[in-house]
Amino acid sequence: MNYLRKSKNRFVSKVELVSALDEGSFLINPPDGFTEENIPVEYNGLYFTITSISLAQKSKPSNAGSVWTPELDFSFPYWKGCEDFIERFKYLSEIKITLNTGEISRLNKNDISLNKPIEPTIQTNVRTINFNVAINQILPFKIW
């Protein structure tokens, strides 16, 4: 039996936030992935930077079995007019995450028409906006 495995250093290369309120989405697609600390992005013609995105999950035992909580977190500078962004993406139908290997992971509820949308936790101050999404589910997120 060969115990040597070929593994690649995976990292997030792009993230798409899909709004539950309209047909729109916000694609964060830096040319080199999230390999640098500040990622330039554009939203409605406005350029700003996002700090590195983190994606993690943890499990917690319960009476019915394990509960998995995948969590996506990033922050960006507060800009004039960002209230439109916050209002548009305060409810999400899904988050599509693409890795540098071409693999994709989707964070979503099982059935968006039956379940309430994903609600991110958004914290702001005069300098930054922190965008955090944590979803409780019965299975860990899959990488396709």
N, C-alpha and C. Protein backbone atom coordinates (compact mmCIF):
# COMPACT_ATOMS: atom_id res chain seq x y z
N MET A 1 0.84 -1.17 0.00
CA MET A 1 0.00 0.00 0.00
C MET A 1 0.89 1.24 0.00
N ASN A 2 0.58 2.19 -0.84
CA ASN A 2 1.36 3.41 -0.96
C ASN A 2 0.72 4.50 -0.09
N TYR A 3 1.46 4.92 0.91
CA TYR A 3 0.94 5.95 1.81
C TYR A 3 1.34 7.36 1.38
N LEU A 4 2.14 7.46 0.34
CA LEU A 4 2.54 8.78 -0.15
C LEU A 4 1.41 9.35 -0.99
N ARG A 5 1.02 10.52 -0.68
CA ARG A 5 -0.08 11.16 -1.41
C ARG A 5 0.43 12.43 -2.06
N LYS A 6 -0.06 12.67 -3.22
CA LYS A 6 0.27 13.93 -3.88
C LYS A 6 -0.77 14.95 -3.46
N SER A 7 -0.32 16.01 -2.85
CA SER A 7 -1.26 17.05 -2.43
C SER A 7 -0.77 18.39 -2.92
N LYS A 8 -1.70 19.26 -3.18
CA LYS A 8 -1.38 20.60 -3.64
C LYS A 8 -1.67 21.59 -2.51
N ASN A 9 -0.95 22.66 -2.50
CA ASN A 9 -1.22 23.73 -1.55
C ASN A 9 -2.45 24.48 -2.05
N ARG A 10 -3.59 24.24 -1.42
CA ARG A 10 -4.83 24.87 -1.84
C ARG A 10 -4.98 26.23 -1.20
N PHE A 11 -5.50 27.17 -1.97
CA PHE A 11 -5.91 28.45 -1.43
C PHE A 11 -7.07 28.98 -2.26
N VAL A 12 -7.82 29.88 -1.68
CA VAL A 12 -8.98 30.47 -2.35
C VAL A 12 -8.50 31.37 -3.47
N SER A 13 -9.04 31.17 -4.68
CA SER A 13 -8.65 32.03 -5.78
C SER A 13 -9.74 33.04 -6.14
N LYS A 14 -11.02 32.69 -5.90
CA LYS A 14 -12.09 33.68 -6.09
C LYS A 14 -13.30 33.29 -5.27
N VAL A 15 -14.10 34.30 -4.94
CA VAL A 15 -15.30 34.13 -4.13
C VAL A 15 -16.43 34.91 -4.79
N GLU A 16 -17.60 34.29 -4.85
CA GLU A 16 -18.77 34.97 -5.40
C GLU A 16 -19.89 34.96 -4.36
N LEU A 17 -20.33 36.14 -3.96
CA LEU A 17 -21.47 36.29 -3.05
C LEU A 17 -22.72 36.46 -3.91
N VAL A 18 -23.70 35.57 -3.74
CA VAL A 18 -24.92 35.63 -4.53
C VAL A 18 -26.04 36.16 -3.64
N SER A 19 -26.57 37.30 -4.00
CA SER A 19 -27.62 37.95 -3.20
C SER A 19 -28.92 37.17 -3.27
N ALA A 20 -29.62 37.10 -2.15
CA ALA A 20 -30.95 36.48 -2.12
C ALA A 20 -32.03 37.51 -2.44
N LEU A 21 -31.67 38.78 -2.53
CA LEU A 21 -32.65 39.85 -2.73
C LEU A 21 -32.88 40.17 -4.20
N ASP A 22 -31.89 39.90 -5.04
CA ASP A 22 -32.03 40.18 -6.46
C ASP A 22 -31.18 39.19 -7.25
N GLU A 23 -31.08 39.40 -8.54
CA GLU A 23 -30.34 38.50 -9.41
C GLU A 23 -28.83 38.74 -9.36
N GLY A 24 -28.39 39.75 -8.64
CA GLY A 24 -27.00 40.14 -8.67
C GLY A 24 -26.09 39.29 -7.82
N SER A 25 -24.82 39.39 -8.15
CA SER A 25 -23.79 38.75 -7.33
C SER A 25 -22.56 39.64 -7.32
N PHE A 26 -21.67 39.38 -6.40
CA PHE A 26 -20.43 40.14 -6.26
C PHE A 26 -19.29 39.15 -6.36
N LEU A 27 -18.52 39.24 -7.44
CA LEU A 27 -17.40 38.33 -7.69
C LEU A 27 -16.10 39.00 -7.26
N ILE A 28 -15.40 38.35 -6.35
CA ILE A 28 -14.09 38.81 -5.92
C ILE A 28 -13.10 37.87 -6.60
N ASN A 29 -12.42 38.37 -7.63
CA ASN A 29 -11.60 37.54 -8.48
C ASN A 29 -10.23 38.18 -8.72
N PRO A 30 -9.33 38.15 -7.72
CA PRO A 30 -8.02 38.74 -7.93
C PRO A 30 -7.20 37.92 -8.93
N PRO A 31 -6.32 38.56 -9.71
CA PRO A 31 -5.60 37.85 -10.75
C PRO A 31 -4.71 36.71 -10.23
N ASP A 32 -4.15 36.84 -9.05
CA ASP A 32 -3.27 35.81 -8.49
C ASP A 32 -3.90 35.08 -7.31
N GLY A 33 -5.21 35.17 -7.14
CA GLY A 33 -5.86 34.57 -5.98
C GLY A 33 -5.59 35.41 -4.74
N PHE A 34 -5.91 34.87 -3.60
CA PHE A 34 -5.74 35.59 -2.34
C PHE A 34 -4.38 35.26 -1.75
N THR A 35 -3.34 35.60 -2.51
CA THR A 35 -1.98 35.31 -2.07
C THR A 35 -1.32 36.52 -1.43
N GLU A 36 -1.91 37.68 -1.60
CA GLU A 36 -1.36 38.89 -1.01
C GLU A 36 -2.27 39.37 0.11
N GLU A 37 -1.78 40.32 0.90
CA GLU A 37 -2.58 40.81 2.01
C GLU A 37 -3.72 41.71 1.56
N ASN A 38 -3.50 42.54 0.56
CA ASN A 38 -4.54 43.45 0.08
C ASN A 38 -4.89 43.11 -1.35
N ILE A 39 -6.16 42.83 -1.59
CA ILE A 39 -6.65 42.41 -2.90
C ILE A 39 -7.47 43.54 -3.50
N PRO A 40 -7.07 44.07 -4.67
CA PRO A 40 -7.89 45.12 -5.29
C PRO A 40 -9.15 44.52 -5.92
N VAL A 41 -10.31 45.12 -5.65
CA VAL A 41 -11.58 44.67 -6.23
C VAL A 41 -12.37 45.89 -6.69
N GLU A 42 -13.44 45.62 -7.44
CA GLU A 42 -14.30 46.69 -7.93
C GLU A 42 -15.75 46.34 -7.65
N TYR A 43 -16.49 47.30 -7.15
CA TYR A 43 -17.93 47.14 -6.94
C TYR A 43 -18.63 48.39 -7.47
N ASN A 44 -19.47 48.22 -8.49
CA ASN A 44 -20.19 49.34 -9.10
C ASN A 44 -19.27 50.49 -9.49
N GLY A 45 -18.14 50.17 -10.09
CA GLY A 45 -17.21 51.19 -10.54
C GLY A 45 -16.31 51.77 -9.47
N LEU A 46 -16.42 51.30 -8.24
CA LEU A 46 -15.60 51.79 -7.14
C LEU A 46 -14.53 50.76 -6.81
N TYR A 47 -13.29 51.19 -6.76
CA TYR A 47 -12.18 50.29 -6.46
C TYR A 47 -11.82 50.40 -4.98
N PHE A 48 -11.59 49.24 -4.35
CA PHE A 48 -11.13 49.22 -2.98
C PHE A 48 -10.35 47.93 -2.78
N THR A 49 -9.84 47.71 -1.58
CA THR A 49 -9.06 46.50 -1.32
C THR A 49 -9.74 45.65 -0.25
N ILE A 50 -9.52 44.36 -0.35
CA ILE A 50 -10.03 43.40 0.63
C ILE A 50 -8.82 42.71 1.24
N THR A 51 -8.84 42.53 2.54
CA THR A 51 -7.77 41.75 3.15
C THR A 51 -8.03 40.28 2.89
N SER A 52 -7.07 39.47 3.13
CA SER A 52 -7.16 38.04 2.82
C SER A 52 -8.44 37.41 3.35
N ILE A 53 -9.01 36.55 2.54
CA ILE A 53 -10.23 35.84 2.92
C ILE A 53 -9.84 34.56 3.64
N SER A 54 -10.54 34.26 4.71
CA SER A 54 -10.29 32.99 5.39
C SER A 54 -11.53 32.13 5.31
N LEU A 55 -11.32 30.85 5.08
CA LEU A 55 -12.40 29.87 5.04
C LEU A 55 -12.00 28.73 5.96
N ALA A 56 -12.84 28.43 6.92
CA ALA A 56 -12.56 27.37 7.88
C ALA A 56 -13.87 26.72 8.28
N GLN A 57 -13.77 25.55 8.87
CA GLN A 57 -14.97 24.91 9.41
C GLN A 57 -14.60 24.17 10.68
N LYS A 58 -15.58 24.03 11.54
CA LYS A 58 -15.36 23.29 12.77
C LYS A 58 -16.60 22.44 13.04
N SER A 59 -16.40 21.38 13.79
CA SER A 59 -17.54 20.53 14.13
C SER A 59 -17.78 20.58 15.63
N LYS A 60 -19.01 20.32 15.99
CA LYS A 60 -19.40 20.30 17.40
C LYS A 60 -20.36 19.14 17.58
N PRO A 61 -20.13 18.30 18.57
CA PRO A 61 -21.05 17.18 18.78
C PRO A 61 -22.39 17.67 19.32
N SER A 62 -23.44 16.97 18.92
CA SER A 62 -24.79 17.25 19.45
C SER A 62 -25.50 15.92 19.66
N ASN A 63 -26.68 15.94 20.22
CA ASN A 63 -27.43 14.71 20.45
C ASN A 63 -27.79 14.00 19.14
N ALA A 64 -27.98 14.74 18.08
CA ALA A 64 -28.35 14.16 16.79
C ALA A 64 -27.14 13.83 15.92
N GLY A 65 -25.94 14.12 16.36
CA GLY A 65 -24.73 13.91 15.57
C GLY A 65 -23.94 15.19 15.47
N SER A 66 -22.92 15.18 14.67
CA SER A 66 -22.06 16.36 14.54
C SER A 66 -22.77 17.48 13.79
N VAL A 67 -22.50 18.70 14.23
CA VAL A 67 -22.94 19.91 13.54
C VAL A 67 -21.70 20.60 13.02
N TRP A 68 -21.67 20.84 11.73
CA TRP A 68 -20.52 21.50 11.10
C TRP A 68 -20.85 22.97 10.86
N THR A 69 -19.86 23.82 11.09
CA THR A 69 -20.03 25.25 10.86
C THR A 69 -18.90 25.77 9.98
N PRO A 70 -19.13 25.83 8.64
CA PRO A 70 -18.16 26.50 7.80
C PRO A 70 -18.28 28.01 7.98
N GLU A 71 -17.15 28.69 7.94
CA GLU A 71 -17.14 30.14 8.18
C GLU A 71 -16.23 30.83 7.17
N LEU A 72 -16.76 31.88 6.57
CA LEU A 72 -16.02 32.71 5.63
C LEU A 72 -15.91 34.10 6.23
N ASP A 73 -14.71 34.68 6.19
CA ASP A 73 -14.49 35.96 6.84
C ASP A 73 -13.56 36.82 5.98
N PHE A 74 -13.93 38.08 5.78
CA PHE A 74 -13.03 39.04 5.15
C PHE A 74 -13.42 40.44 5.58
N SER A 75 -12.52 41.39 5.38
CA SER A 75 -12.81 42.78 5.72
C SER A 75 -12.29 43.69 4.63
N PHE A 76 -12.86 44.89 4.58
CA PHE A 76 -12.45 45.87 3.57
C PHE A 76 -12.70 47.26 4.12
N PRO A 77 -12.07 48.27 3.52
CA PRO A 77 -12.23 49.64 4.03
C PRO A 77 -13.65 50.17 3.85
N TYR A 78 -14.09 50.97 4.80
CA TYR A 78 -15.38 51.63 4.73
C TYR A 78 -15.28 52.75 3.71
N TRP A 79 -16.19 52.80 2.76
CA TRP A 79 -16.18 53.87 1.78
C TRP A 79 -17.54 54.54 1.75
N LYS A 80 -17.57 55.74 1.23
CA LYS A 80 -18.82 56.48 1.12
C LYS A 80 -19.72 55.77 0.12
N GLY A 81 -20.90 55.41 0.53
CA GLY A 81 -21.84 54.70 -0.32
C GLY A 81 -21.82 53.19 -0.14
N CYS A 82 -21.07 52.67 0.82
CA CYS A 82 -21.01 51.21 1.02
C CYS A 82 -22.29 50.67 1.62
N GLU A 83 -23.19 51.55 2.04
CA GLU A 83 -24.47 51.09 2.58
C GLU A 83 -25.26 50.30 1.54
N ASP A 84 -25.10 50.66 0.24
CA ASP A 84 -25.75 49.93 -0.84
C ASP A 84 -25.24 48.48 -0.88
N PHE A 85 -23.94 48.30 -0.74
CA PHE A 85 -23.35 46.97 -0.71
C PHE A 85 -23.88 46.16 0.47
N ILE A 86 -23.90 46.79 1.64
CA ILE A 86 -24.38 46.11 2.85
C ILE A 86 -25.85 45.72 2.70
N GLU A 87 -26.66 46.62 2.17
CA GLU A 87 -28.09 46.35 1.98
C GLU A 87 -28.31 45.23 0.97
N ARG A 88 -27.55 45.23 -0.09
CA ARG A 88 -27.73 44.24 -1.17
C ARG A 88 -27.29 42.84 -0.75
N PHE A 89 -26.25 42.74 0.08
CA PHE A 89 -25.71 41.44 0.44
C PHE A 89 -25.94 41.09 1.91
N LYS A 90 -26.98 41.65 2.51
CA LYS A 90 -27.30 41.29 3.90
C LYS A 90 -28.01 39.94 3.96
N TYR A 91 -28.53 39.48 2.82
CA TYR A 91 -29.11 38.14 2.70
C TYR A 91 -28.50 37.47 1.47
N LEU A 92 -27.98 36.27 1.67
CA LEU A 92 -27.31 35.56 0.58
C LEU A 92 -28.02 34.25 0.30
N SER A 93 -28.08 33.88 -0.99
CA SER A 93 -28.61 32.55 -1.32
C SER A 93 -27.48 31.53 -1.33
N GLU A 94 -26.27 31.96 -1.70
CA GLU A 94 -25.12 31.06 -1.64
C GLU A 94 -23.83 31.84 -1.76
N ILE A 95 -22.75 31.15 -1.42
CA ILE A 95 -21.40 31.67 -1.61
C ILE A 95 -20.64 30.61 -2.38
N LYS A 96 -20.11 30.99 -3.52
CA LYS A 96 -19.37 30.06 -4.37
C LYS A 96 -17.88 30.38 -4.22
N ILE A 97 -17.12 29.38 -3.80
CA ILE A 97 -15.69 29.56 -3.54
C ILE A 97 -14.91 28.68 -4.51
N THR A 98 -14.00 29.28 -5.27
CA THR A 98 -13.17 28.55 -6.21
C THR A 98 -11.74 28.52 -5.69
N LEU A 99 -11.14 27.36 -5.71
CA LEU A 99 -9.76 27.19 -5.24
C LEU A 99 -8.79 27.27 -6.41
N ASN A 100 -7.50 27.45 -6.11
CA ASN A 100 -6.48 27.54 -7.14
C ASN A 100 -6.35 26.26 -7.95
N THR A 101 -6.85 25.15 -7.44
CA THR A 101 -6.79 23.86 -8.14
C THR A 101 -7.95 23.69 -9.12
N GLY A 102 -8.85 24.68 -9.18
CA GLY A 102 -10.02 24.60 -10.04
C GLY A 102 -11.21 23.98 -9.35
N GLU A 103 -11.02 23.46 -8.14
CA GLU A 103 -12.12 22.87 -7.38
C GLU A 103 -13.04 23.96 -6.85
N ILE A 104 -14.30 23.61 -6.65
CA ILE A 104 -15.31 24.57 -6.22
C ILE A 104 -16.00 24.05 -4.97
N SER A 105 -16.30 24.96 -4.06
CA SER A 105 -17.11 24.64 -2.89
C SER A 105 -18.24 25.67 -2.82
N ARG A 106 -19.43 25.19 -2.53
CA ARG A 106 -20.58 26.08 -2.42
C ARG A 106 -21.10 26.02 -0.98
N LEU A 107 -21.21 27.19 -0.38
CA LEU A 107 -21.81 27.30 0.95
C LEU A 107 -23.22 27.81 0.75
N ASN A 108 -24.20 27.01 1.14
CA ASN A 108 -25.59 27.43 0.99
C ASN A 108 -26.46 26.60 1.91
N LYS A 109 -27.73 26.96 1.96
CA LYS A 109 -28.72 26.17 2.68
C LYS A 109 -29.21 25.08 1.73
N ASN A 110 -29.83 24.04 2.25
CA ASN A 110 -30.27 22.94 1.40
C ASN A 110 -31.28 23.39 0.35
N ASP A 111 -32.24 24.18 0.74
CA ASP A 111 -33.29 24.61 -0.18
C ASP A 111 -33.64 26.05 0.17
N ILE A 112 -33.19 26.98 -0.65
CA ILE A 112 -33.37 28.40 -0.33
C ILE A 112 -34.84 28.79 -0.33
N SER A 113 -35.70 28.05 -1.06
CA SER A 113 -37.12 28.40 -1.06
C SER A 113 -37.81 27.96 0.23
N LEU A 114 -37.24 26.98 0.94
CA LEU A 114 -37.84 26.54 2.19
C LEU A 114 -37.15 27.12 3.41
N ASN A 115 -35.87 27.36 3.31
CA ASN A 115 -35.10 27.89 4.43
C ASN A 115 -34.90 29.39 4.27
N LYS A 116 -34.71 30.06 5.37
CA LYS A 116 -34.42 31.49 5.25
C LYS A 116 -33.01 31.68 4.70
N PRO A 117 -32.74 32.79 4.04
CA PRO A 117 -31.44 33.02 3.43
C PRO A 117 -30.30 33.06 4.46
N ILE A 118 -29.11 32.97 3.96
CA ILE A 118 -27.91 33.09 4.79
C ILE A 118 -27.79 34.55 5.21
N GLU A 119 -27.59 34.78 6.49
CA GLU A 119 -27.44 36.14 7.00
C GLU A 119 -26.03 36.34 7.52
N PRO A 120 -25.21 37.10 6.81
CA PRO A 120 -23.87 37.36 7.32
C PRO A 120 -23.89 38.31 8.51
N THR A 121 -22.87 38.22 9.32
CA THR A 121 -22.66 39.19 10.39
C THR A 121 -21.77 40.28 9.82
N ILE A 122 -22.26 41.50 9.85
CA ILE A 122 -21.52 42.63 9.29
C ILE A 122 -21.24 43.61 10.41
N GLN A 123 -19.96 43.88 10.64
CA GLN A 123 -19.56 44.85 11.65
C GLN A 123 -18.83 46.00 10.96
N THR A 124 -19.18 47.21 11.34
CA THR A 124 -18.53 48.37 10.74
C THR A 124 -18.02 49.31 11.83
N ASN A 125 -17.02 50.05 11.45
CA ASN A 125 -16.58 51.19 12.24
C ASN A 125 -16.22 52.28 11.24
N VAL A 126 -15.58 53.32 11.64
CA VAL A 126 -15.30 54.41 10.71
C VAL A 126 -14.23 54.05 9.69
N ARG A 127 -13.51 52.95 9.91
CA ARG A 127 -12.43 52.56 9.00
C ARG A 127 -12.70 51.31 8.18
N THR A 128 -13.33 50.30 8.77
CA THR A 128 -13.45 49.02 8.07
C THR A 128 -14.85 48.41 8.21
N ILE A 129 -15.10 47.46 7.31
CA ILE A 129 -16.30 46.63 7.36
C ILE A 129 -15.81 45.20 7.44
N ASN A 130 -16.29 44.45 8.43
CA ASN A 130 -15.95 43.04 8.55
C ASN A 130 -17.17 42.23 8.14
N PHE A 131 -16.99 41.33 7.19
CA PHE A 131 -18.05 40.52 6.62
C PHE A 131 -17.79 39.07 7.01
N ASN A 132 -18.68 38.48 7.82
CA ASN A 132 -18.47 37.13 8.32
C ASN A 132 -19.74 36.31 8.10
N VAL A 133 -19.57 35.12 7.53
CA VAL A 133 -20.68 34.22 7.30
C VAL A 133 -20.38 32.89 7.96
N ALA A 134 -21.27 32.43 8.83
CA ALA A 134 -21.16 31.11 9.45
C ALA A 134 -22.48 30.38 9.24
N ILE A 135 -22.41 29.16 8.71
CA ILE A 135 -23.60 28.38 8.40
C ILE A 135 -23.55 27.07 9.17
N ASN A 136 -24.58 26.75 9.91
CA ASN A 136 -24.67 25.46 10.59
C ASN A 136 -25.29 24.44 9.65
N GLN A 137 -24.62 23.30 9.51
CA GLN A 137 -25.14 22.24 8.65
C GLN A 137 -24.73 20.88 9.20
N ILE A 138 -25.36 19.83 8.69
CA ILE A 138 -25.10 18.50 9.23
C ILE A 138 -23.91 17.81 8.57
N LEU A 139 -23.47 18.30 7.43
CA LEU A 139 -22.31 17.73 6.74
C LEU A 139 -21.23 18.80 6.55
N PRO A 140 -19.96 18.41 6.51
CA PRO A 140 -18.92 19.40 6.23
C PRO A 140 -19.04 19.88 4.78
N PHE A 141 -18.47 21.06 4.49
CA PHE A 141 -18.54 21.54 3.12
C PHE A 141 -17.73 20.61 2.22
N LYS A 142 -18.19 20.51 0.98
CA LYS A 142 -17.54 19.62 0.00
C LYS A 142 -16.77 20.46 -0.98
N ILE A 143 -15.69 19.89 -1.45
CA ILE A 143 -14.89 20.52 -2.51
C ILE A 143 -15.07 19.64 -3.74
N TRP A 144 -15.62 20.21 -4.80
CA TRP A 144 -15.93 19.44 -6.01
C TRP A 144 -14.84 19.58 -7.03
